[in-house]
Amino acid sequence: MKWWPQNLTGQTITLLLIALLGSQLFSFLIFSDERRSALLDERRKNTL
């Protein structure tokens, strides 16, 4: 069973979905790192 579509429309849609998932994952990683950094800064200041 092949998971990559043979026609151009299917390939385009599959590639766009992969790119969308990759960009969402990248954004999540950036957001979670910024959130972790902010929480550590607040903990150091003893305001949390």
C-alpha atoms as a PDB file:
ATOM      1  CA  MET A   1       0.000   0.000   0.000  1.00  0.00           C
ATOM      2  CA  LYS A   2       1.452   3.312  -1.068  1.00  0.00           C
ATOM      3  CA  TRP A   3       0.917   6.295   1.179  1.00  0.00           C
ATOM      4  CA  TRP A   4       2.080   8.914  -1.347  1.00  0.00           C
ATOM      5  CA  PRO A   5      -0.660   9.805  -3.885  1.00  0.00           C
ATOM      6  CA  GLN A   6       0.086   9.363  -7.596  1.00  0.00           C
ATOM      7  CA  ASN A   7      -1.825  12.359  -8.981  1.00  0.00           C
ATOM      8  CA  LEU A   8      -0.591  15.941  -8.710  1.00  0.00           C
ATOM      9  CA  THR A   9      -3.608  17.192  -6.743  1.00  0.00           C
ATOM     10  CA  GLY A  10      -3.185  14.519  -4.093  1.00  0.00           C
ATOM     11  CA  GLN A  11       0.548  15.168  -3.872  1.00  0.00           C
ATOM     12  CA  THR A  12      -0.025  18.900  -3.458  1.00  0.00           C
ATOM     13  CA  ILE A  13      -2.616  18.408  -0.726  1.00  0.00           C
ATOM     14  CA  THR A  14      -0.406  15.890   1.083  1.00  0.00           C
ATOM     15  CA  LEU A  15       2.613  18.193   0.897  1.00  0.00           C
ATOM     16  CA  LEU A  16       0.573  21.142   2.188  1.00  0.00           C
ATOM     17  CA  LEU A  17      -0.750  19.082   5.104  1.00  0.00           C
ATOM     18  CA  ILE A  18       2.772  17.979   6.019  1.00  0.00           C
ATOM     19  CA  ALA A  19       3.983  21.593   5.853  1.00  0.00           C
ATOM     20  CA  LEU A  20       1.039  22.759   7.978  1.00  0.00           C
ATOM     21  CA  LEU A  21       1.681  20.136  10.640  1.00  0.00           C
ATOM     22  CA  GLY A  22       5.389  20.975  10.655  1.00  0.00           C
ATOM     23  CA  SER A  23       4.756  24.684  11.089  1.00  0.00           C
ATOM     24  CA  GLN A  24       2.254  24.047  13.879  1.00  0.00           C
ATOM     25  CA  LEU A  25       4.774  21.852  15.688  1.00  0.00           C
ATOM     26  CA  PHE A  26       7.478  24.499  15.278  1.00  0.00           C
ATOM     27  CA  SER A  27       5.162  27.216  16.643  1.00  0.00           C
ATOM     28  CA  PHE A  28       4.204  25.028  19.596  1.00  0.00           C
ATOM     29  CA  LEU A  29       7.857  24.412  20.446  1.00  0.00           C
ATOM     30  CA  ILE A  30       8.649  28.133  20.323  1.00  0.00           C
ATOM     31  CA  PHE A  31       5.600  29.009  22.442  1.00  0.00           C
ATOM     32  CA  SER A  32       6.303  26.344  25.054  1.00  0.00           C
ATOM     33  CA  ASP A  33       9.946  27.417  25.333  1.00  0.00           C
ATOM     34  CA  GLU A  34       8.944  31.063  25.813  1.00  0.00           C
ATOM     35  CA  ARG A  35       6.372  30.048  28.423  1.00  0.00           C
ATOM     36  CA  ARG A  36       8.934  27.935  30.288  1.00  0.00           C
ATOM     37  CA  SER A  37      11.402  30.805  30.209  1.00  0.00           C
ATOM     38  CA  ALA A  38       8.818  33.256  31.557  1.00  0.00           C
ATOM     39  CA  LEU A  39       7.883  30.906  34.391  1.00  0.00           C
ATOM     40  CA  LEU A  40      11.531  30.440  35.342  1.00  0.00           C
ATOM     41  CA  ASP A  41      12.054  34.211  35.405  1.00  0.00           C
ATOM     42  CA  GLU A  42       9.025  34.665  37.640  1.00  0.00           C
ATOM     43  CA  ARG A  43      10.196  31.892  39.946  1.00  0.00           C
ATOM     44  CA  ARG A  44      13.598  33.577  40.279  1.00  0.00           C
ATOM     45  CA  LYS A  45      11.919  36.838  41.244  1.00  0.00           C
ATOM     46  CA  ASN A  46       9.698  35.012  43.782  1.00  0.00           C
ATOM     47  CA  THR A  47       6.589  36.685  42.420  1.00  0.00           C
ATOM     48  CA  LEU A  48       4.861  33.478  41.436  1.00  0.00           C
END
